[in-house]
Amino acid sequence: MAESVTKLVGLDDLEKLMKKFTGKTQRRLDLSALSAMARLVAKEAKSRVPARTGGLRDAITVKRPRRGGTVKIGFKRPDSGKAHLVEFGTAPRVKKDGKSTGRVAAQPFMRPALDATETEAFAKYGKIMLNGLVRESKKARKTGR
């Protein structure tokens, strides 16, 4: 399996800056940036998914938690049950009476979408975090915190 490594330059500086804000502000900024990354990947996945009916493409969604948790790229029902079958394919299947029902060849779309948008997504994350930190710093100066 190929391994992907991305180096974030300035991460230590970002961490130091983040520690100046409350946990609530940190969480809000982080969720905002992660959501933007996830939307970018989801958009790319929608363009790569094999579309027989378009149901699976339309089922791709980004879920942002209200409290705690993690931003997730998922699938809405009823097509959520077939996403993994399309992504990974199936082995040959045989009924009890011996008749073959065939197999489904893998048609990956999520992993290639993630690989294709990796650099752009991390750049977007950094930009949103930086803009958010600048905005929060200005707010803090105005209120005198």
N, C-alpha and C. Protein backbone atom coordinates (compact mmCIF):
# COMPACT_ATOMS: atom_id res chain seq x y z
N MET A 1 0.83 -1.17 0.00
CA MET A 1 0.00 0.00 0.00
C MET A 1 0.89 1.24 0.00
N ALA A 2 0.57 2.20 -0.84
CA ALA A 2 1.35 3.42 -0.93
C ALA A 2 1.04 4.31 0.27
N GLU A 3 2.06 4.95 0.79
CA GLU A 3 1.88 5.81 1.95
C GLU A 3 2.05 7.25 1.50
N SER A 4 1.19 8.12 2.01
CA SER A 4 1.23 9.52 1.64
C SER A 4 1.66 10.33 2.86
N VAL A 5 2.62 11.21 2.66
CA VAL A 5 3.12 12.04 3.76
C VAL A 5 3.02 13.49 3.34
N THR A 6 2.44 14.30 4.21
CA THR A 6 2.32 15.73 3.95
C THR A 6 2.94 16.46 5.11
N LYS A 7 3.81 17.40 4.82
CA LYS A 7 4.46 18.18 5.88
C LYS A 7 3.79 19.54 5.95
N LEU A 8 3.34 19.89 7.14
CA LEU A 8 2.73 21.19 7.35
C LEU A 8 3.78 22.12 7.91
N VAL A 9 4.16 23.11 7.14
CA VAL A 9 5.15 24.08 7.56
C VAL A 9 4.46 25.13 8.42
N GLY A 10 5.07 25.44 9.56
CA GLY A 10 4.51 26.45 10.44
C GLY A 10 3.49 25.91 11.43
N LEU A 11 3.40 24.59 11.55
CA LEU A 11 2.43 23.98 12.45
C LEU A 11 2.70 24.35 13.90
N ASP A 12 3.96 24.42 14.28
CA ASP A 12 4.31 24.80 15.66
C ASP A 12 3.85 26.22 15.97
N ASP A 13 4.04 27.13 15.02
CA ASP A 13 3.60 28.51 15.20
C ASP A 13 2.08 28.58 15.32
N LEU A 14 1.40 27.78 14.51
CA LEU A 14 -0.06 27.75 14.53
C LEU A 14 -0.55 27.25 15.90
N GLU A 15 0.10 26.22 16.42
CA GLU A 15 -0.27 25.69 17.73
C GLU A 15 -0.10 26.73 18.83
N LYS A 16 1.01 27.46 18.80
CA LYS A 16 1.27 28.50 19.80
C LYS A 16 0.19 29.58 19.74
N LEU A 17 -0.17 29.97 18.53
CA LEU A 17 -1.20 30.99 18.34
C LEU A 17 -2.56 30.49 18.82
N MET A 18 -2.87 29.23 18.53
CA MET A 18 -4.15 28.64 18.93
C MET A 18 -4.31 28.60 20.44
N LYS A 19 -3.22 28.39 21.17
CA LYS A 19 -3.29 28.27 22.62
C LYS A 19 -3.69 29.58 23.29
N LYS A 20 -3.61 30.69 22.55
CA LYS A 20 -3.99 31.98 23.10
C LYS A 20 -5.51 32.14 23.18
N PHE A 21 -6.24 31.26 22.50
CA PHE A 21 -7.70 31.37 22.46
C PHE A 21 -8.35 30.30 23.31
N THR A 22 -9.62 30.52 23.64
CA THR A 22 -10.36 29.55 24.45
C THR A 22 -10.58 28.26 23.65
N GLY A 23 -10.89 27.21 24.37
CA GLY A 23 -11.15 25.92 23.72
C GLY A 23 -12.30 26.00 22.74
N LYS A 24 -13.32 26.78 23.08
CA LYS A 24 -14.49 26.93 22.20
C LYS A 24 -14.10 27.60 20.87
N THR A 25 -13.29 28.61 20.96
CA THR A 25 -12.83 29.31 19.75
C THR A 25 -11.93 28.40 18.92
N GLN A 26 -11.04 27.67 19.59
CA GLN A 26 -10.16 26.74 18.88
C GLN A 26 -10.98 25.70 18.13
N ARG A 27 -11.96 25.14 18.82
CA ARG A 27 -12.81 24.09 18.23
C ARG A 27 -13.58 24.63 17.02
N ARG A 28 -14.13 25.84 17.16
CA ARG A 28 -14.90 26.44 16.07
C ARG A 28 -14.03 26.66 14.83
N LEU A 29 -12.83 27.20 15.04
CA LEU A 29 -11.91 27.43 13.92
C LEU A 29 -11.50 26.12 13.26
N ASP A 30 -11.17 25.13 14.10
CA ASP A 30 -10.75 23.83 13.58
C ASP A 30 -11.86 23.16 12.79
N LEU A 31 -13.09 23.17 13.33
CA LEU A 31 -14.22 22.55 12.61
C LEU A 31 -14.50 23.26 11.29
N SER A 32 -14.37 24.57 11.30
CA SER A 32 -14.60 25.34 10.08
C SER A 32 -13.59 24.94 8.99
N ALA A 33 -12.32 24.85 9.37
CA ALA A 33 -11.28 24.49 8.40
C ALA A 33 -11.42 23.04 7.95
N LEU A 34 -11.71 22.14 8.89
CA LEU A 34 -11.90 20.72 8.53
C LEU A 34 -13.11 20.53 7.62
N SER A 35 -14.16 21.28 7.87
CA SER A 35 -15.35 21.20 7.02
C SER A 35 -15.05 21.63 5.59
N ALA A 36 -14.26 22.68 5.47
CA ALA A 36 -13.89 23.16 4.13
C ALA A 36 -13.07 22.10 3.40
N MET A 37 -12.15 21.45 4.13
CA MET A 37 -11.35 20.37 3.52
C MET A 37 -12.28 19.24 3.07
N ALA A 38 -13.20 18.85 3.93
CA ALA A 38 -14.10 17.74 3.62
C ALA A 38 -15.00 18.06 2.43
N ARG A 39 -15.48 19.30 2.36
CA ARG A 39 -16.32 19.68 1.20
C ARG A 39 -15.54 19.59 -0.11
N LEU A 40 -14.27 19.97 -0.05
CA LEU A 40 -13.41 19.89 -1.24
C LEU A 40 -13.25 18.43 -1.69
N VAL A 41 -12.98 17.54 -0.74
CA VAL A 41 -12.83 16.11 -1.06
C VAL A 41 -14.15 15.53 -1.55
N ALA A 42 -15.25 15.89 -0.91
CA ALA A 42 -16.57 15.38 -1.32
C ALA A 42 -16.92 15.82 -2.74
N LYS A 43 -16.60 17.07 -3.07
CA LYS A 43 -16.87 17.57 -4.42
C LYS A 43 -16.09 16.76 -5.46
N GLU A 44 -14.83 16.48 -5.16
CA GLU A 44 -14.01 15.68 -6.06
C GLU A 44 -14.54 14.25 -6.17
N ALA A 45 -14.97 13.68 -5.04
CA ALA A 45 -15.53 12.32 -5.05
C ALA A 45 -16.79 12.27 -5.90
N LYS A 46 -17.62 13.30 -5.81
CA LYS A 46 -18.85 13.34 -6.62
C LYS A 46 -18.53 13.35 -8.11
N SER A 47 -17.42 13.98 -8.47
CA SER A 47 -17.05 14.03 -9.89
C SER A 47 -16.44 12.71 -10.36
N ARG A 48 -15.99 11.87 -9.42
CA ARG A 48 -15.34 10.61 -9.78
C ARG A 48 -16.22 9.38 -9.63
N VAL A 49 -17.32 9.48 -8.91
CA VAL A 49 -18.16 8.30 -8.66
C VAL A 49 -18.81 7.85 -9.97
N PRO A 50 -18.79 6.52 -10.24
CA PRO A 50 -19.47 6.04 -11.44
C PRO A 50 -20.98 6.29 -11.28
N ALA A 51 -21.58 6.93 -12.25
CA ALA A 51 -22.98 7.33 -12.11
C ALA A 51 -23.89 6.58 -13.08
N ARG A 52 -24.48 5.51 -12.58
CA ARG A 52 -25.50 4.83 -13.40
C ARG A 52 -26.81 5.57 -13.27
N THR A 53 -27.18 5.89 -12.05
CA THR A 53 -28.43 6.62 -11.82
C THR A 53 -28.18 7.99 -11.19
N GLY A 54 -27.01 8.19 -10.63
CA GLY A 54 -26.69 9.44 -9.95
C GLY A 54 -27.04 9.42 -8.48
N GLY A 55 -27.66 8.34 -8.02
CA GLY A 55 -28.06 8.24 -6.62
C GLY A 55 -26.89 8.25 -5.67
N LEU A 56 -25.85 7.51 -6.00
CA LEU A 56 -24.68 7.43 -5.13
C LEU A 56 -23.95 8.78 -5.10
N ARG A 57 -23.88 9.41 -6.24
CA ARG A 57 -23.24 10.74 -6.32
C ARG A 57 -24.00 11.73 -5.43
N ASP A 58 -25.32 11.71 -5.52
CA ASP A 58 -26.13 12.63 -4.73
C ASP A 58 -26.13 12.30 -3.25
N ALA A 59 -25.76 11.07 -2.91
CA ALA A 59 -25.77 10.64 -1.51
C ALA A 59 -24.53 11.08 -0.74
N ILE A 60 -23.47 11.49 -1.44
CA ILE A 60 -22.24 11.92 -0.76
C ILE A 60 -22.51 13.21 0.00
N THR A 61 -22.15 13.22 1.28
CA THR A 61 -22.44 14.36 2.13
C THR A 61 -21.32 14.59 3.14
N VAL A 62 -21.23 15.81 3.62
CA VAL A 62 -20.28 16.16 4.68
C VAL A 62 -21.08 16.40 5.94
N LYS A 63 -20.71 15.70 7.01
CA LYS A 63 -21.42 15.82 8.28
C LYS A 63 -20.53 16.53 9.28
N ARG A 64 -21.04 17.63 9.80
CA ARG A 64 -20.30 18.40 10.80
C ARG A 64 -21.02 18.25 12.13
N PRO A 65 -20.32 17.82 13.17
CA PRO A 65 -20.97 17.58 14.45
C PRO A 65 -21.40 18.87 15.13
N ARG A 66 -22.48 18.78 15.90
CA ARG A 66 -22.93 19.95 16.67
C ARG A 66 -22.02 20.15 17.88
N ARG A 67 -21.69 19.06 18.57
CA ARG A 67 -20.82 19.13 19.73
C ARG A 67 -19.83 17.97 19.66
N GLY A 68 -18.56 18.28 19.85
CA GLY A 68 -17.55 17.23 19.84
C GLY A 68 -17.50 16.50 18.52
N GLY A 69 -16.83 15.38 18.50
CA GLY A 69 -16.79 14.57 17.30
C GLY A 69 -15.87 15.10 16.22
N THR A 70 -16.04 14.55 15.04
CA THR A 70 -15.18 14.83 13.92
C THR A 70 -16.00 15.12 12.68
N VAL A 71 -15.49 15.92 11.78
CA VAL A 71 -16.13 16.16 10.49
C VAL A 71 -15.98 14.89 9.67
N LYS A 72 -17.08 14.42 9.06
CA LYS A 72 -17.04 13.17 8.31
C LYS A 72 -17.64 13.34 6.92
N ILE A 73 -17.07 12.61 5.97
CA ILE A 73 -17.65 12.51 4.65
C ILE A 73 -18.40 11.19 4.65
N GLY A 74 -19.67 11.22 4.36
CA GLY A 74 -20.48 10.00 4.41
C GLY A 74 -21.46 9.94 3.26
N PHE A 75 -22.43 9.06 3.43
CA PHE A 75 -23.44 8.83 2.40
C PHE A 75 -24.82 8.83 3.03
N LYS A 76 -25.78 9.49 2.38
CA LYS A 76 -27.15 9.49 2.85
C LYS A 76 -27.85 8.23 2.36
N ARG A 77 -28.86 7.82 3.08
CA ARG A 77 -29.68 6.68 2.68
C ARG A 77 -30.50 7.06 1.47
N PRO A 78 -30.95 6.21 0.63
CA PRO A 78 -30.82 4.75 0.69
C PRO A 78 -29.56 4.23 0.00
N ASP A 79 -28.80 5.11 -0.63
CA ASP A 79 -27.64 4.66 -1.40
C ASP A 79 -26.40 4.41 -0.55
N SER A 80 -26.47 4.70 0.73
CA SER A 80 -25.30 4.52 1.60
C SER A 80 -24.87 3.06 1.67
N GLY A 81 -25.79 2.14 1.47
CA GLY A 81 -25.48 0.72 1.56
C GLY A 81 -24.69 0.16 0.40
N LYS A 82 -24.56 0.92 -0.67
CA LYS A 82 -23.82 0.39 -1.82
C LYS A 82 -22.48 1.08 -2.10
N ALA A 83 -22.17 2.10 -1.34
CA ALA A 83 -20.92 2.85 -1.58
C ALA A 83 -19.70 1.95 -1.47
N HIS A 84 -19.64 1.13 -0.44
CA HIS A 84 -18.47 0.27 -0.26
C HIS A 84 -18.38 -0.81 -1.34
N LEU A 85 -19.51 -1.22 -1.86
CA LEU A 85 -19.51 -2.23 -2.94
C LEU A 85 -18.92 -1.66 -4.23
N VAL A 86 -19.23 -0.39 -4.48
CA VAL A 86 -18.69 0.26 -5.67
C VAL A 86 -17.20 0.56 -5.47
N GLU A 87 -16.84 1.08 -4.30
CA GLU A 87 -15.45 1.46 -4.02
C GLU A 87 -14.51 0.25 -4.05
N PHE A 88 -14.91 -0.84 -3.41
CA PHE A 88 -14.02 -2.00 -3.25
C PHE A 88 -14.38 -3.20 -4.12
N GLY A 89 -15.57 -3.22 -4.71
CA GLY A 89 -16.00 -4.35 -5.53
C GLY A 89 -16.44 -5.52 -4.66
N THR A 90 -16.82 -6.62 -5.32
CA THR A 90 -17.23 -7.82 -4.59
C THR A 90 -16.53 -9.04 -5.20
N ALA A 91 -16.48 -10.09 -4.41
CA ALA A 91 -15.95 -11.36 -4.90
C ALA A 91 -17.04 -12.04 -5.73
N PRO A 92 -16.69 -13.04 -6.55
CA PRO A 92 -17.71 -13.78 -7.28
C PRO A 92 -18.70 -14.41 -6.30
N ARG A 93 -19.98 -14.32 -6.62
CA ARG A 93 -21.02 -14.85 -5.74
C ARG A 93 -21.74 -16.01 -6.43
N VAL A 94 -22.08 -17.01 -5.64
CA VAL A 94 -22.77 -18.19 -6.16
C VAL A 94 -23.96 -18.49 -5.27
N LYS A 95 -25.14 -18.72 -5.89
CA LYS A 95 -26.33 -19.07 -5.12
C LYS A 95 -26.23 -20.52 -4.65
N LYS A 96 -27.14 -20.92 -3.75
CA LYS A 96 -27.14 -22.28 -3.22
C LYS A 96 -27.34 -23.32 -4.31
N ASP A 97 -28.06 -22.94 -5.35
CA ASP A 97 -28.31 -23.91 -6.43
C ASP A 97 -27.14 -24.00 -7.41
N GLY A 98 -26.07 -23.26 -7.14
CA GLY A 98 -24.87 -23.34 -7.96
C GLY A 98 -24.76 -22.30 -9.06
N LYS A 99 -25.81 -21.52 -9.28
CA LYS A 99 -25.78 -20.49 -10.33
C LYS A 99 -24.96 -19.29 -9.86
N SER A 100 -24.13 -18.81 -10.76
CA SER A 100 -23.29 -17.66 -10.45
C SER A 100 -24.09 -16.37 -10.63
N THR A 101 -23.96 -15.46 -9.68
CA THR A 101 -24.60 -14.16 -9.82
C THR A 101 -23.57 -13.10 -10.22
N GLY A 102 -22.34 -13.56 -10.47
CA GLY A 102 -21.29 -12.66 -10.95
C GLY A 102 -20.57 -11.94 -9.84
N ARG A 103 -19.84 -10.92 -10.23
CA ARG A 103 -19.08 -10.12 -9.28
C ARG A 103 -19.14 -8.67 -9.74
N VAL A 104 -18.79 -7.80 -8.85
CA VAL A 104 -18.74 -6.37 -9.17
C VAL A 104 -17.28 -5.94 -9.09
N ALA A 105 -16.78 -5.39 -10.16
CA ALA A 105 -15.39 -4.92 -10.18
C ALA A 105 -15.29 -3.63 -9.36
N ALA A 106 -14.18 -3.46 -8.67
CA ALA A 106 -13.95 -2.25 -7.88
C ALA A 106 -13.85 -1.03 -8.79
N GLN A 107 -14.51 0.04 -8.38
CA GLN A 107 -14.45 1.31 -9.08
C GLN A 107 -14.18 2.41 -8.05
N PRO A 108 -12.95 2.47 -7.57
CA PRO A 108 -12.63 3.42 -6.50
C PRO A 108 -12.90 4.86 -6.90
N PHE A 109 -13.49 5.61 -5.96
CA PHE A 109 -13.73 7.03 -6.19
C PHE A 109 -13.39 7.87 -4.97
N MET A 110 -13.53 7.32 -3.76
CA MET A 110 -13.23 8.10 -2.56
C MET A 110 -11.73 8.28 -2.35
N ARG A 111 -10.99 7.19 -2.39
CA ARG A 111 -9.54 7.28 -2.17
C ARG A 111 -8.85 8.12 -3.25
N PRO A 112 -9.19 7.91 -4.54
CA PRO A 112 -8.58 8.78 -5.55
C PRO A 112 -8.94 10.26 -5.36
N ALA A 113 -10.16 10.53 -4.87
CA ALA A 113 -10.55 11.92 -4.62
C ALA A 113 -9.72 12.51 -3.50
N LEU A 114 -9.50 11.73 -2.45
CA LEU A 114 -8.67 12.18 -1.33
C LEU A 114 -7.24 12.43 -1.79
N ASP A 115 -6.69 11.51 -2.58
CA ASP A 115 -5.32 11.66 -3.07
C ASP A 115 -5.18 12.88 -3.98
N ALA A 116 -6.19 13.11 -4.83
CA ALA A 116 -6.12 14.21 -5.79
C ALA A 116 -6.24 15.58 -5.13
N THR A 117 -6.93 15.66 -4.00
CA THR A 117 -7.16 16.97 -3.37
C THR A 117 -6.30 17.22 -2.14
N GLU A 118 -5.41 16.28 -1.81
CA GLU A 118 -4.64 16.37 -0.57
C GLU A 118 -3.91 17.71 -0.42
N THR A 119 -3.13 18.09 -1.39
CA THR A 119 -2.34 19.32 -1.31
C THR A 119 -3.24 20.55 -1.22
N GLU A 120 -4.25 20.59 -2.07
CA GLU A 120 -5.17 21.73 -2.08
C GLU A 120 -5.97 21.81 -0.77
N ALA A 121 -6.36 20.65 -0.25
CA ALA A 121 -7.15 20.62 0.98
C ALA A 121 -6.33 21.14 2.16
N PHE A 122 -5.08 20.73 2.28
CA PHE A 122 -4.26 21.20 3.39
C PHE A 122 -3.94 22.69 3.24
N ALA A 123 -3.77 23.15 2.02
CA ALA A 123 -3.55 24.58 1.79
C ALA A 123 -4.79 25.37 2.21
N LYS A 124 -5.96 24.83 1.89
CA LYS A 124 -7.21 25.49 2.26
C LYS A 124 -7.35 25.52 3.78
N TYR A 125 -7.00 24.42 4.44
CA TYR A 125 -7.05 24.35 5.90
C TYR A 125 -6.19 25.46 6.52
N GLY A 126 -4.96 25.57 6.04
CA GLY A 126 -4.05 26.58 6.56
C GLY A 126 -4.56 27.99 6.34
N LYS A 127 -5.11 28.24 5.17
CA LYS A 127 -5.62 29.57 4.85
C LYS A 127 -6.81 29.93 5.74
N ILE A 128 -7.73 28.99 5.93
CA ILE A 128 -8.90 29.25 6.76
C ILE A 128 -8.50 29.44 8.22
N MET A 129 -7.57 28.63 8.69
CA MET A 129 -7.10 28.77 10.07
C MET A 129 -6.42 30.12 10.27
N LEU A 130 -5.57 30.50 9.34
CA LEU A 130 -4.87 31.79 9.45
C LEU A 130 -5.86 32.94 9.45
N ASN A 131 -6.81 32.93 8.50
CA ASN A 131 -7.81 34.00 8.44
C ASN A 131 -8.64 34.04 9.72
N GLY A 132 -9.00 32.87 10.22
CA GLY A 132 -9.78 32.80 11.46
C GLY A 132 -9.02 33.32 12.65
N LEU A 133 -7.74 32.98 12.74
CA LEU A 133 -6.93 33.46 13.86
C LEU A 133 -6.73 34.97 13.79
N VAL A 134 -6.55 35.49 12.61
CA VAL A 134 -6.41 36.94 12.45
C VAL A 134 -7.72 37.62 12.87
N ARG A 135 -8.85 37.07 12.42
CA ARG A 135 -10.15 37.63 12.77
C ARG A 135 -10.38 37.58 14.29
N GLU A 136 -10.06 36.46 14.91
CA GLU A 136 -10.24 36.32 16.36
C GLU A 136 -9.28 37.25 17.13
N SER A 137 -8.08 37.44 16.61
CA SER A 137 -7.14 38.35 17.26
C SER A 137 -7.66 39.77 17.23
N LYS A 138 -8.23 40.18 16.11
CA LYS A 138 -8.80 41.53 16.00
C LYS A 138 -9.97 41.68 16.97
N LYS A 139 -10.81 40.65 17.07
CA LYS A 139 -11.94 40.67 18.00
C LYS A 139 -11.44 40.81 19.43
N ALA A 140 -10.40 40.06 19.77
CA ALA A 140 -9.86 40.08 21.14
C ALA A 140 -9.27 41.45 21.46
N ARG A 141 -8.63 42.08 20.48
CA ARG A 141 -8.07 43.41 20.71
C ARG A 141 -9.17 44.44 20.94
N LYS A 142 -10.27 44.32 20.19
CA LYS A 142 -11.38 45.25 20.33
C LYS A 142 -12.03 45.12 21.71
N THR A 143 -12.19 43.90 22.16
CA THR A 143 -12.86 43.68 23.46
C THR A 143 -11.89 43.80 24.62
N GLY A 144 -10.60 43.89 24.33
CA GLY A 144 -9.60 44.08 25.36
C GLY A 144 -9.20 42.83 26.11
N ARG A 145 -9.38 41.68 25.52
CA ARG A 145 -9.00 40.40 26.17
C ARG A 145 -7.56 40.12 26.04
